Amino acid sequence: MALQQCLVLIKPDGLAKSLTGNIIASLSETRLKIVGAKIVKVSRELAEKHYYKLKDEKIKEHGLERGTQLFEDILKYIKGEFHTDRVFALVYHGEAAIERIRAIAGNTNPEKADPISIRGKYGRINSQTQVMENVMHVSDSEESAKREIQLWFRPEDLTETIYPTKEQKAPGKEIVWV
């Protein structure tokens, strides 16, 4: 099995419900290494970049078809306008990290998730907004993981170099993703 990285976000509803410890304890079953962790106040710009694929979709795969308003509600959700204004971002590293974490997290739609999965136990679909409050985000592919990790973390935020970096000369010598 190949070494992989995976971004995990414990979303605002997970933090508001004090589920951080439960989620991390469940994820510890994977025996993967955490190489990055931080609390983030999510800006609209970060939220839009993270959910860029949903901007023009009607999110049919999840059975939700409210288009633009649903996209706006998803942005409000991740920014914390329904719960708390923080997200706990983590980077896991190890063999088959994405598959192992996604198995414990469960289906993105909490109503379709196995009841013993994290999303099955703690998630819900908000009846007013139709937003899936599924307590966590997990990268779905190696390509997504790379894009998402580089969006949420700077190279120096991680305890290991997991992707190529370079030193940027101006101003003040900064390490950046290649």
N, C-alpha and C. Protein backbone atom coordinates (compact mmCIF):
# COMPACT_ATOMS: atom_id res chain seq x y z
N MET A 1 0.84 -1.20 0.00
CA MET A 1 0.00 0.00 0.00
C MET A 1 0.88 1.25 0.00
N ALA A 2 0.41 2.27 -0.69
CA ALA A 2 1.18 3.50 -0.83
C ALA A 2 0.93 4.45 0.34
N LEU A 3 1.97 5.21 0.65
CA LEU A 3 1.83 6.26 1.66
C LEU A 3 0.97 7.37 1.07
N GLN A 4 0.05 7.88 1.86
CA GLN A 4 -0.84 8.96 1.42
C GLN A 4 -0.98 9.99 2.54
N GLN A 5 -1.46 11.13 2.13
CA GLN A 5 -1.86 12.17 3.06
C GLN A 5 -3.37 12.35 2.93
N CYS A 6 -3.99 12.84 3.97
CA CYS A 6 -5.44 13.06 3.95
C CYS A 6 -5.77 14.26 4.82
N LEU A 7 -6.53 15.19 4.27
CA LEU A 7 -7.02 16.31 5.07
C LEU A 7 -8.30 15.89 5.76
N VAL A 8 -8.37 16.17 7.05
CA VAL A 8 -9.58 15.96 7.84
C VAL A 8 -9.94 17.31 8.45
N LEU A 9 -11.18 17.72 8.26
CA LEU A 9 -11.69 18.93 8.92
C LEU A 9 -12.78 18.50 9.88
N ILE A 10 -12.64 18.87 11.12
CA ILE A 10 -13.76 18.72 12.05
C ILE A 10 -14.51 20.05 11.94
N LYS A 11 -15.70 19.96 11.39
CA LYS A 11 -16.46 21.14 11.00
C LYS A 11 -17.09 21.84 12.22
N PRO A 12 -17.64 23.03 12.00
CA PRO A 12 -18.18 23.80 13.12
C PRO A 12 -19.20 23.05 13.99
N ASP A 13 -20.05 22.22 13.39
CA ASP A 13 -21.02 21.49 14.21
C ASP A 13 -20.33 20.46 15.09
N GLY A 14 -19.25 19.86 14.60
CA GLY A 14 -18.47 18.93 15.40
C GLY A 14 -17.82 19.61 16.60
N LEU A 15 -17.32 20.83 16.38
CA LEU A 15 -16.73 21.59 17.48
C LEU A 15 -17.80 22.06 18.46
N ALA A 16 -18.92 22.56 17.93
CA ALA A 16 -19.99 23.07 18.80
C ALA A 16 -20.57 21.96 19.68
N LYS A 17 -20.58 20.74 19.17
CA LYS A 17 -21.12 19.60 19.93
C LYS A 17 -20.04 18.91 20.77
N SER A 18 -18.85 19.50 20.83
CA SER A 18 -17.72 18.94 21.59
C SER A 18 -17.38 17.50 21.17
N LEU A 19 -17.37 17.25 19.88
CA LEU A 19 -17.10 15.92 19.35
C LEU A 19 -15.64 15.70 18.94
N THR A 20 -14.80 16.71 19.11
CA THR A 20 -13.41 16.63 18.66
C THR A 20 -12.71 15.40 19.24
N GLY A 21 -12.79 15.21 20.53
CA GLY A 21 -12.15 14.06 21.18
C GLY A 21 -12.68 12.74 20.67
N ASN A 22 -14.01 12.65 20.52
CA ASN A 22 -14.62 11.41 20.02
C ASN A 22 -14.14 11.10 18.60
N ILE A 23 -14.08 12.13 17.76
CA ILE A 23 -13.68 11.94 16.37
C ILE A 23 -12.21 11.53 16.30
N ILE A 24 -11.35 12.23 17.02
CA ILE A 24 -9.92 11.88 17.00
C ILE A 24 -9.69 10.49 17.58
N ALA A 25 -10.44 10.15 18.62
CA ALA A 25 -10.31 8.80 19.20
C ALA A 25 -10.71 7.74 18.17
N SER A 26 -11.79 7.98 17.44
CA SER A 26 -12.20 7.03 16.39
C SER A 26 -11.13 6.93 15.30
N LEU A 27 -10.58 8.07 14.90
CA LEU A 27 -9.57 8.08 13.85
C LEU A 27 -8.25 7.44 14.31
N SER A 28 -8.03 7.39 15.61
CA SER A 28 -6.80 6.77 16.11
C SER A 28 -6.77 5.27 15.78
N GLU A 29 -7.93 4.68 15.52
CA GLU A 29 -7.99 3.27 15.12
C GLU A 29 -7.23 3.02 13.82
N THR A 30 -7.04 4.05 13.01
CA THR A 30 -6.33 3.90 11.74
C THR A 30 -4.83 3.73 11.94
N ARG A 31 -4.34 4.15 13.10
CA ARG A 31 -2.90 4.11 13.43
C ARG A 31 -2.08 4.95 12.45
N LEU A 32 -2.71 5.99 11.90
CA LEU A 32 -2.00 6.92 11.04
C LEU A 32 -1.35 8.01 11.88
N LYS A 33 -0.39 8.69 11.29
CA LYS A 33 0.32 9.75 11.99
C LYS A 33 -0.32 11.11 11.66
N ILE A 34 -0.54 11.92 12.69
CA ILE A 34 -0.98 13.31 12.47
C ILE A 34 0.29 14.13 12.25
N VAL A 35 0.37 14.80 11.09
CA VAL A 35 1.55 15.62 10.79
C VAL A 35 1.22 17.10 10.73
N GLY A 36 -0.03 17.44 10.97
CA GLY A 36 -0.43 18.84 11.01
C GLY A 36 -1.77 18.97 11.70
N ALA A 37 -1.92 20.03 12.49
CA ALA A 37 -3.19 20.28 13.16
C ALA A 37 -3.26 21.76 13.53
N LYS A 38 -4.44 22.35 13.30
CA LYS A 38 -4.64 23.75 13.71
C LYS A 38 -6.12 24.09 13.70
N ILE A 39 -6.45 25.08 14.50
CA ILE A 39 -7.81 25.65 14.52
C ILE A 39 -7.82 26.80 13.51
N VAL A 40 -8.84 26.82 12.66
CA VAL A 40 -8.92 27.84 11.61
C VAL A 40 -10.27 28.54 11.67
N LYS A 41 -10.23 29.86 11.58
CA LYS A 41 -11.44 30.64 11.35
C LYS A 41 -11.55 30.77 9.84
N VAL A 42 -12.58 30.22 9.25
CA VAL A 42 -12.68 30.08 7.80
C VAL A 42 -13.23 31.35 7.16
N SER A 43 -12.46 31.89 6.23
CA SER A 43 -12.90 33.06 5.46
C SER A 43 -13.79 32.60 4.31
N ARG A 44 -14.52 33.52 3.74
CA ARG A 44 -15.33 33.18 2.57
C ARG A 44 -14.44 32.71 1.43
N GLU A 45 -13.29 33.36 1.25
CA GLU A 45 -12.38 32.98 0.17
C GLU A 45 -11.90 31.54 0.34
N LEU A 46 -11.51 31.15 1.55
CA LEU A 46 -11.08 29.78 1.81
C LEU A 46 -12.23 28.80 1.58
N ALA A 47 -13.42 29.16 2.06
CA ALA A 47 -14.59 28.29 1.88
C ALA A 47 -14.90 28.09 0.40
N GLU A 48 -14.85 29.16 -0.39
CA GLU A 48 -15.13 29.05 -1.83
C GLU A 48 -14.09 28.20 -2.54
N LYS A 49 -12.82 28.36 -2.16
CA LYS A 49 -11.77 27.56 -2.78
C LYS A 49 -11.92 26.08 -2.40
N HIS A 50 -12.28 25.82 -1.16
CA HIS A 50 -12.45 24.44 -0.71
C HIS A 50 -13.62 23.76 -1.44
N TYR A 51 -14.74 24.46 -1.56
CA TYR A 51 -15.96 23.88 -2.15
C TYR A 51 -16.17 24.30 -3.60
N TYR A 52 -15.10 24.63 -4.32
CA TYR A 52 -15.23 25.14 -5.68
C TYR A 52 -16.03 24.21 -6.59
N LYS A 53 -15.95 22.90 -6.39
CA LYS A 53 -16.66 21.95 -7.25
C LYS A 53 -18.18 22.06 -7.10
N LEU A 54 -18.64 22.54 -5.97
CA LEU A 54 -20.07 22.61 -5.71
C LEU A 54 -20.71 23.91 -6.21
N LYS A 55 -19.89 24.86 -6.61
CA LYS A 55 -20.42 26.19 -6.94
C LYS A 55 -21.52 26.15 -8.00
N ASP A 56 -21.33 25.39 -9.06
CA ASP A 56 -22.30 25.37 -10.14
C ASP A 56 -23.11 24.08 -10.21
N GLU A 57 -22.93 23.23 -9.21
CA GLU A 57 -23.68 21.98 -9.18
C GLU A 57 -24.96 22.13 -8.37
N LYS A 58 -25.86 21.18 -8.56
CA LYS A 58 -27.06 21.15 -7.73
C LYS A 58 -26.93 20.07 -6.66
N ILE A 59 -25.74 19.50 -6.55
CA ILE A 59 -25.43 18.51 -5.53
C ILE A 59 -26.42 17.34 -5.57
N LYS A 60 -26.69 16.87 -6.79
CA LYS A 60 -27.66 15.79 -6.98
C LYS A 60 -27.23 14.48 -6.32
N GLU A 61 -25.91 14.24 -6.28
CA GLU A 61 -25.47 12.97 -5.71
C GLU A 61 -25.91 12.80 -4.26
N HIS A 62 -26.22 13.89 -3.61
CA HIS A 62 -26.66 13.83 -2.22
C HIS A 62 -28.18 14.02 -2.10
N GLY A 63 -28.85 14.12 -3.23
CA GLY A 63 -30.30 14.26 -3.20
C GLY A 63 -30.77 15.66 -2.82
N LEU A 64 -29.90 16.65 -2.96
CA LEU A 64 -30.25 18.02 -2.59
C LEU A 64 -30.17 18.89 -3.83
N GLU A 65 -31.22 19.64 -4.12
CA GLU A 65 -31.25 20.40 -5.38
C GLU A 65 -31.68 21.85 -5.19
N ARG A 66 -30.99 22.58 -4.34
CA ARG A 66 -31.34 23.98 -4.15
C ARG A 66 -30.33 24.92 -4.77
N GLY A 67 -29.41 24.38 -5.59
CA GLY A 67 -28.48 25.16 -6.38
C GLY A 67 -27.71 26.22 -5.64
N THR A 68 -27.80 27.47 -6.15
CA THR A 68 -27.02 28.58 -5.64
C THR A 68 -27.26 28.82 -4.15
N GLN A 69 -28.50 28.76 -3.70
CA GLN A 69 -28.77 28.99 -2.29
C GLN A 69 -28.14 27.91 -1.42
N LEU A 70 -28.16 26.69 -1.91
CA LEU A 70 -27.53 25.61 -1.15
C LEU A 70 -26.02 25.84 -1.06
N PHE A 71 -25.40 26.28 -2.15
CA PHE A 71 -23.97 26.59 -2.13
C PHE A 71 -23.69 27.67 -1.09
N GLU A 72 -24.52 28.71 -1.07
CA GLU A 72 -24.34 29.78 -0.08
C GLU A 72 -24.51 29.25 1.34
N ASP A 73 -25.47 28.35 1.55
CA ASP A 73 -25.68 27.77 2.88
C ASP A 73 -24.50 26.89 3.28
N ILE A 74 -23.90 26.17 2.32
CA ILE A 74 -22.72 25.36 2.61
C ILE A 74 -21.56 26.27 3.04
N LEU A 75 -21.41 27.40 2.35
CA LEU A 75 -20.36 28.35 2.74
C LEU A 75 -20.62 28.89 4.15
N LYS A 76 -21.87 29.22 4.44
CA LYS A 76 -22.22 29.70 5.79
C LYS A 76 -21.92 28.63 6.84
N TYR A 77 -22.22 27.39 6.51
CA TYR A 77 -21.98 26.27 7.41
C TYR A 77 -20.50 26.12 7.75
N ILE A 78 -19.64 26.05 6.73
CA ILE A 78 -18.22 25.85 6.99
C ILE A 78 -17.60 27.08 7.63
N LYS A 79 -18.15 28.27 7.37
CA LYS A 79 -17.65 29.49 8.01
C LYS A 79 -18.14 29.61 9.45
N GLY A 80 -19.08 28.76 9.84
CA GLY A 80 -19.52 28.74 11.22
C GLY A 80 -20.71 29.62 11.53
N GLU A 81 -21.45 30.04 10.52
CA GLU A 81 -22.58 30.93 10.77
C GLU A 81 -23.76 30.21 11.41
N PHE A 82 -23.77 28.88 11.41
CA PHE A 82 -24.85 28.12 12.05
C PHE A 82 -24.44 27.59 13.42
N HIS A 83 -23.14 27.53 13.70
CA HIS A 83 -22.66 26.91 14.94
C HIS A 83 -21.60 27.77 15.60
N THR A 84 -20.35 27.43 15.38
CA THR A 84 -19.22 28.18 15.89
C THR A 84 -18.33 28.55 14.71
N ASP A 85 -17.53 29.57 14.86
CA ASP A 85 -16.78 30.07 13.71
C ASP A 85 -15.38 29.46 13.58
N ARG A 86 -15.25 28.20 13.98
CA ARG A 86 -13.95 27.55 13.88
C ARG A 86 -14.07 26.17 13.24
N VAL A 87 -12.95 25.74 12.65
CA VAL A 87 -12.81 24.40 12.09
C VAL A 87 -11.48 23.87 12.62
N PHE A 88 -11.43 22.59 12.94
CA PHE A 88 -10.18 21.95 13.36
C PHE A 88 -9.66 21.18 12.16
N ALA A 89 -8.53 21.63 11.60
CA ALA A 89 -7.95 21.03 10.41
C ALA A 89 -6.78 20.13 10.80
N LEU A 90 -6.77 18.91 10.25
CA LEU A 90 -5.71 17.95 10.54
C LEU A 90 -5.20 17.33 9.25
N VAL A 91 -3.93 16.98 9.25
CA VAL A 91 -3.36 16.23 8.14
C VAL A 91 -2.87 14.90 8.70
N TYR A 92 -3.40 13.83 8.15
CA TYR A 92 -2.98 12.47 8.50
C TYR A 92 -2.07 11.95 7.41
N HIS A 93 -1.11 11.10 7.82
CA HIS A 93 -0.12 10.56 6.89
C HIS A 93 0.08 9.08 7.19
N GLY A 94 0.10 8.25 6.14
CA GLY A 94 0.37 6.84 6.34
C GLY A 94 -0.15 6.01 5.18
N GLU A 95 -0.03 4.70 5.32
CA GLU A 95 -0.47 3.79 4.27
C GLU A 95 -1.98 3.84 4.09
N ALA A 96 -2.40 4.03 2.84
CA ALA A 96 -3.83 4.05 2.48
C ALA A 96 -4.65 4.97 3.39
N ALA A 97 -4.09 6.13 3.72
CA ALA A 97 -4.72 7.05 4.67
C ALA A 97 -6.14 7.43 4.28
N ILE A 98 -6.35 7.74 3.02
CA ILE A 98 -7.67 8.21 2.58
C ILE A 98 -8.72 7.12 2.77
N GLU A 99 -8.45 5.94 2.27
CA GLU A 99 -9.39 4.83 2.38
C GLU A 99 -9.68 4.49 3.85
N ARG A 100 -8.65 4.45 4.67
CA ARG A 100 -8.83 4.08 6.07
C ARG A 100 -9.66 5.11 6.83
N ILE A 101 -9.40 6.38 6.59
CA ILE A 101 -10.16 7.42 7.29
C ILE A 101 -11.58 7.47 6.78
N ARG A 102 -11.77 7.38 5.46
CA ARG A 102 -13.12 7.44 4.91
C ARG A 102 -13.99 6.28 5.40
N ALA A 103 -13.39 5.11 5.63
CA ALA A 103 -14.15 3.97 6.14
C ALA A 103 -14.71 4.26 7.54
N ILE A 104 -13.93 4.92 8.36
CA ILE A 104 -14.38 5.25 9.72
C ILE A 104 -15.33 6.44 9.71
N ALA A 105 -15.10 7.39 8.79
CA ALA A 105 -15.95 8.59 8.71
C ALA A 105 -17.36 8.23 8.24
N GLY A 106 -17.49 7.33 7.29
CA GLY A 106 -18.80 6.97 6.76
C GLY A 106 -19.20 7.83 5.57
N ASN A 107 -20.35 7.53 5.01
CA ASN A 107 -20.89 8.24 3.85
C ASN A 107 -21.02 9.73 4.15
N THR A 108 -20.75 10.56 3.13
CA THR A 108 -20.87 12.01 3.28
C THR A 108 -22.26 12.40 3.75
N ASN A 109 -23.28 11.74 3.22
CA ASN A 109 -24.66 12.00 3.64
C ASN A 109 -24.91 11.22 4.92
N PRO A 110 -25.11 11.90 6.05
CA PRO A 110 -25.27 11.19 7.33
C PRO A 110 -26.48 10.26 7.36
N GLU A 111 -27.49 10.53 6.53
CA GLU A 111 -28.66 9.65 6.49
C GLU A 111 -28.36 8.34 5.78
N LYS A 112 -27.30 8.31 4.97
CA LYS A 112 -26.90 7.09 4.27
C LYS A 112 -25.69 6.42 4.94
N ALA A 113 -25.12 7.08 5.92
CA ALA A 113 -23.92 6.57 6.58
C ALA A 113 -24.26 5.43 7.53
N ASP A 114 -23.34 4.49 7.65
CA ASP A 114 -23.47 3.40 8.62
C ASP A 114 -23.64 4.03 10.00
N PRO A 115 -24.61 3.59 10.80
CA PRO A 115 -24.86 4.20 12.11
C PRO A 115 -23.67 4.15 13.07
N ILE A 116 -22.71 3.24 12.83
CA ILE A 116 -21.55 3.22 13.73
C ILE A 116 -20.40 4.08 13.21
N SER A 117 -20.54 4.66 12.02
CA SER A 117 -19.51 5.57 11.50
C SER A 117 -19.64 6.92 12.20
N ILE A 118 -18.62 7.75 12.07
CA ILE A 118 -18.64 9.07 12.71
C ILE A 118 -19.82 9.89 12.19
N ARG A 119 -19.99 9.96 10.87
CA ARG A 119 -21.08 10.75 10.30
C ARG A 119 -22.44 10.13 10.61
N GLY A 120 -22.50 8.81 10.66
CA GLY A 120 -23.75 8.13 11.01
C GLY A 120 -24.18 8.41 12.44
N LYS A 121 -23.23 8.50 13.35
CA LYS A 121 -23.53 8.76 14.76
C LYS A 121 -23.87 10.22 15.02
N TYR A 122 -23.09 11.12 14.40
CA TYR A 122 -23.16 12.53 14.81
C TYR A 122 -23.72 13.49 13.77
N GLY A 123 -23.87 13.06 12.52
CA GLY A 123 -24.32 13.97 11.47
C GLY A 123 -25.83 14.06 11.36
N ARG A 124 -26.27 15.05 10.60
CA ARG A 124 -27.70 15.23 10.31
C ARG A 124 -27.83 16.12 9.09
N ILE A 125 -29.02 16.13 8.51
CA ILE A 125 -29.32 17.12 7.47
C ILE A 125 -30.21 18.15 8.13
N ASN A 126 -29.75 19.39 8.11
CA ASN A 126 -30.50 20.48 8.72
C ASN A 126 -31.81 20.67 7.97
N SER A 127 -32.93 20.55 8.66
CA SER A 127 -34.24 20.60 8.00
C SER A 127 -34.55 21.98 7.42
N GLN A 128 -33.96 23.03 7.95
CA GLN A 128 -34.23 24.37 7.42
C GLN A 128 -33.37 24.70 6.20
N THR A 129 -32.07 24.37 6.26
CA THR A 129 -31.17 24.75 5.17
C THR A 129 -30.93 23.63 4.18
N GLN A 130 -31.24 22.39 4.53
CA GLN A 130 -30.93 21.19 3.75
C GLN A 130 -29.43 20.94 3.63
N VAL A 131 -28.62 21.62 4.44
CA VAL A 131 -27.18 21.40 4.46
C VAL A 131 -26.88 20.14 5.26
N MET A 132 -25.99 19.31 4.71
CA MET A 132 -25.57 18.12 5.44
C MET A 132 -24.57 18.54 6.50
N GLU A 133 -25.00 18.53 7.73
CA GLU A 133 -24.11 18.83 8.85
C GLU A 133 -23.49 17.50 9.26
N ASN A 134 -22.41 17.15 8.57
CA ASN A 134 -21.84 15.81 8.71
C ASN A 134 -20.58 15.79 9.57
N VAL A 135 -20.36 16.77 10.35
CA VAL A 135 -19.32 16.95 11.37
C VAL A 135 -17.88 16.89 10.88
N MET A 136 -17.63 16.35 9.69
CA MET A 136 -16.25 16.29 9.24
C MET A 136 -16.13 16.22 7.72
N HIS A 137 -15.00 16.68 7.25
CA HIS A 137 -14.63 16.54 5.84
C HIS A 137 -13.42 15.61 5.79
N VAL A 138 -13.37 14.76 4.78
CA VAL A 138 -12.24 13.87 4.54
C VAL A 138 -11.92 13.92 3.05
N SER A 139 -10.67 14.12 2.71
CA SER A 139 -10.27 14.10 1.30
C SER A 139 -10.73 12.81 0.64
N ASP A 140 -11.13 12.91 -0.65
CA ASP A 140 -11.66 11.73 -1.33
C ASP A 140 -10.70 11.10 -2.34
N SER A 141 -9.55 11.72 -2.56
CA SER A 141 -8.56 11.16 -3.49
C SER A 141 -7.20 11.79 -3.17
N GLU A 142 -6.15 11.20 -3.73
CA GLU A 142 -4.82 11.77 -3.51
C GLU A 142 -4.71 13.17 -4.10
N GLU A 143 -5.35 13.38 -5.27
CA GLU A 143 -5.32 14.69 -5.91
C GLU A 143 -6.04 15.73 -5.04
N SER A 144 -7.21 15.36 -4.54
CA SER A 144 -7.96 16.27 -3.67
C SER A 144 -7.19 16.54 -2.38
N ALA A 145 -6.58 15.51 -1.82
CA ALA A 145 -5.83 15.68 -0.58
C ALA A 145 -4.71 16.69 -0.77
N LYS A 146 -3.98 16.56 -1.85
CA LYS A 146 -2.87 17.50 -2.11
C LYS A 146 -3.39 18.93 -2.24
N ARG A 147 -4.43 19.10 -3.06
CA ARG A 147 -4.99 20.44 -3.26
C ARG A 147 -5.50 21.02 -1.94
N GLU A 148 -6.22 20.20 -1.18
CA GLU A 148 -6.82 20.67 0.07
C GLU A 148 -5.77 20.96 1.15
N ILE A 149 -4.79 20.08 1.29
CA ILE A 149 -3.75 20.30 2.29
C ILE A 149 -2.99 21.58 1.98
N GLN A 150 -2.68 21.79 0.70
CA GLN A 150 -1.95 22.99 0.31
C GLN A 150 -2.82 24.25 0.42
N LEU A 151 -4.12 24.08 0.42
CA LEU A 151 -5.04 25.20 0.63
C LEU A 151 -5.12 25.57 2.12
N TRP A 152 -5.18 24.58 2.99
CA TRP A 152 -5.41 24.80 4.42
C TRP A 152 -4.13 24.97 5.24
N PHE A 153 -2.99 24.48 4.72
CA PHE A 153 -1.74 24.49 5.48
C PHE A 153 -0.60 25.07 4.66
N ARG A 154 0.33 25.73 5.35
CA ARG A 154 1.59 26.15 4.75
C ARG A 154 2.60 25.04 5.03
N PRO A 155 3.65 24.93 4.25
CA PRO A 155 4.64 23.87 4.48
C PRO A 155 5.17 23.83 5.92
N GLU A 156 5.42 24.98 6.51
CA GLU A 156 5.97 25.03 7.86
C GLU A 156 4.96 24.64 8.95
N ASP A 157 3.69 24.51 8.58
CA ASP A 157 2.67 24.06 9.54
C ASP A 157 2.74 22.56 9.79
N LEU A 158 3.45 21.84 8.92
CA LEU A 158 3.49 20.39 9.01
C LEU A 158 4.80 19.91 9.61
N THR A 159 4.75 18.80 10.33
CA THR A 159 5.95 18.27 10.98
C THR A 159 6.82 17.46 10.02
N GLU A 160 6.29 17.15 8.85
CA GLU A 160 7.06 16.41 7.84
C GLU A 160 6.83 17.07 6.48
N THR A 161 7.83 16.97 5.62
CA THR A 161 7.68 17.46 4.25
C THR A 161 6.99 16.36 3.46
N ILE A 162 5.76 16.62 3.07
CA ILE A 162 4.97 15.60 2.38
C ILE A 162 4.81 15.90 0.89
N TYR A 163 5.04 17.15 0.49
CA TYR A 163 4.99 17.55 -0.91
C TYR A 163 6.21 18.44 -1.17
N PRO A 164 6.65 18.51 -2.41
CA PRO A 164 7.80 19.37 -2.72
C PRO A 164 7.54 20.84 -2.36
N THR A 165 8.60 21.50 -1.92
CA THR A 165 8.53 22.92 -1.57
C THR A 165 9.71 23.63 -2.22
N LYS A 166 9.68 24.93 -2.18
CA LYS A 166 10.82 25.74 -2.62
C LYS A 166 10.89 26.97 -1.73
N GLU A 167 12.06 27.57 -1.70
CA GLU A 167 12.24 28.79 -0.93
C GLU A 167 11.97 29.97 -1.84
N GLN A 168 11.03 30.81 -1.41
CA GLN A 168 10.68 32.00 -2.18
C GLN A 168 11.59 33.13 -1.71
N LYS A 169 12.21 33.81 -2.62
CA LYS A 169 13.23 34.81 -2.28
C LYS A 169 12.67 36.09 -1.68
N ALA A 170 11.60 36.60 -2.22
CA ALA A 170 11.16 37.93 -1.80
C ALA A 170 9.80 37.88 -1.16
N PRO A 171 9.42 38.75 -0.33
CA PRO A 171 10.28 39.35 0.69
C PRO A 171 10.35 38.43 1.90
N GLY A 172 11.45 38.33 2.53
CA GLY A 172 11.60 37.60 3.78
C GLY A 172 11.67 36.09 3.68
N LYS A 173 12.23 35.55 2.64
CA LYS A 173 12.44 34.11 2.48
C LYS A 173 11.36 33.25 3.12
N GLU A 174 10.45 32.82 2.32
CA GLU A 174 9.33 32.00 2.79
C GLU A 174 9.36 30.67 2.03
N ILE A 175 9.01 29.57 2.73
CA ILE A 175 8.91 28.27 2.10
C ILE A 175 7.49 28.14 1.56
N VAL A 176 7.34 27.75 0.29
CA VAL A 176 6.02 27.63 -0.33
C VAL A 176 5.92 26.30 -1.05
N TRP A 177 4.68 25.88 -1.33
CA TRP A 177 4.45 24.66 -2.10
C TRP A 177 4.90 24.87 -3.53
N VAL A 178 5.41 23.83 -4.16
CA VAL A 178 5.84 23.91 -5.56
C VAL A 178 4.63 23.71 -6.44
